[in-house]
Amino acid sequence: MPRGVKKSDLPQKTCATCGKPFVWRKKWEKVWDEVRYCSDRCRAGRGPISSKKQ
């Protein structure tokens, strides 16, 4: 009998900065309702990679 939950069954949110979907992580277990960003980079307020000046 398999243990745990399939990755496809985990909750999903959309990042407030880049708009990409991201899934639940164990380290966010207690604060999932407060999580808004997919990464530290997005949390720091940077835009998506495609919007960088080249």
C-alpha atoms as a PDB file:
ATOM      1  CA  MET A   1       0.000   0.000   0.000  1.00  0.00           C
ATOM      2  CA  PRO A   2       1.570   3.349  -1.030  1.00  0.00           C
ATOM      3  CA  ARG A   3       2.081   5.979   1.617  1.00  0.00           C
ATOM      4  CA  GLY A   4       1.552   9.732   1.407  1.00  0.00           C
ATOM      5  CA  VAL A   5      -0.142  11.857  -1.211  1.00  0.00           C
ATOM      6  CA  LYS A   6       0.494  11.999  -4.933  1.00  0.00           C
ATOM      7  CA  LYS A   7       2.115  15.238  -6.092  1.00  0.00           C
ATOM      8  CA  SER A   8      -0.767  15.771  -8.488  1.00  0.00           C
ATOM      9  CA  ASP A   9      -3.168  15.816  -5.517  1.00  0.00           C
ATOM     10  CA  LEU A  10      -1.340  18.573  -3.578  1.00  0.00           C
ATOM     11  CA  PRO A  11      -2.945  22.031  -3.240  1.00  0.00           C
ATOM     12  CA  GLN A  12      -1.846  24.628  -5.773  1.00  0.00           C
ATOM     13  CA  LYS A  13      -1.660  28.445  -5.808  1.00  0.00           C
ATOM     14  CA  THR A  14      -0.579  31.108  -8.296  1.00  0.00           C
ATOM     15  CA  CYS A  15       2.386  33.354  -7.478  1.00  0.00           C
ATOM     16  CA  ALA A  16       1.396  36.997  -6.864  1.00  0.00           C
ATOM     17  CA  THR A  17       4.514  38.279  -8.663  1.00  0.00           C
ATOM     18  CA  CYS A  18       5.200  36.051 -11.657  1.00  0.00           C
ATOM     19  CA  GLY A  19       1.793  34.394 -12.076  1.00  0.00           C
ATOM     20  CA  LYS A  20       3.216  30.876 -12.277  1.00  0.00           C
ATOM     21  CA  PRO A  21       1.467  28.041 -10.434  1.00  0.00           C
ATOM     22  CA  PHE A  22       3.246  26.414  -7.492  1.00  0.00           C
ATOM     23  CA  VAL A  23       2.313  23.519  -5.237  1.00  0.00           C
ATOM     24  CA  TRP A  24       2.245  22.945  -1.492  1.00  0.00           C
ATOM     25  CA  ARG A  25       5.550  22.200   0.253  1.00  0.00           C
ATOM     26  CA  LYS A  26       6.100  20.506   3.592  1.00  0.00           C
ATOM     27  CA  LYS A  27       7.905  23.590   4.967  1.00  0.00           C
ATOM     28  CA  TRP A  28       4.764  25.659   4.267  1.00  0.00           C
ATOM     29  CA  GLU A  29       2.507  23.214   6.117  1.00  0.00           C
ATOM     30  CA  LYS A  30       1.635  25.547   9.025  1.00  0.00           C
ATOM     31  CA  VAL A  31       1.497  28.793   7.023  1.00  0.00           C
ATOM     32  CA  TRP A  32      -0.016  27.680   3.692  1.00  0.00           C
ATOM     33  CA  ASP A  33      -2.825  30.247   3.983  1.00  0.00           C
ATOM     34  CA  GLU A  34      -0.224  33.041   4.188  1.00  0.00           C
ATOM     35  CA  VAL A  35       2.020  31.872   1.306  1.00  0.00           C
ATOM     36  CA  ARG A  36       1.704  34.177  -1.736  1.00  0.00           C
ATOM     37  CA  TYR A  37       4.974  33.767  -3.630  1.00  0.00           C
ATOM     38  CA  CYS A  38       6.649  30.787  -5.300  1.00  0.00           C
ATOM     39  CA  SER A  39      10.202  31.759  -4.286  1.00  0.00           C
ATOM     40  CA  ASP A  40      12.372  34.185  -2.334  1.00  0.00           C
ATOM     41  CA  ARG A  41      13.122  35.965  -5.598  1.00  0.00           C
ATOM     42  CA  CYS A  42       9.445  36.728  -6.193  1.00  0.00           C
ATOM     43  CA  ARG A  43       8.924  37.630  -2.543  1.00  0.00           C
ATOM     44  CA  ALA A  44      11.692  40.224  -2.824  1.00  0.00           C
ATOM     45  CA  GLY A  45       9.525  42.039  -5.378  1.00  0.00           C
ATOM     46  CA  ARG A  46      11.370  41.230  -8.570  1.00  0.00           C
ATOM     47  CA  GLY A  47       9.287  40.850 -11.689  1.00  0.00           C
ATOM     48  CA  PRO A  48       9.310  37.828 -13.944  1.00  0.00           C
ATOM     49  CA  ILE A  49      12.590  36.967 -15.662  1.00  0.00           C
ATOM     50  CA  SER A  50      11.203  37.951 -19.066  1.00  0.00           C
ATOM     51  CA  SER A  51      10.714  41.575 -17.942  1.00  0.00           C
ATOM     52  CA  LYS A  52      14.443  42.165 -17.258  1.00  0.00           C
ATOM     53  CA  LYS A  53      16.194  44.747 -19.417  1.00  0.00           C
ATOM     54  CA  GLN A  54      18.684  43.240 -21.800  1.00  0.00           C
END
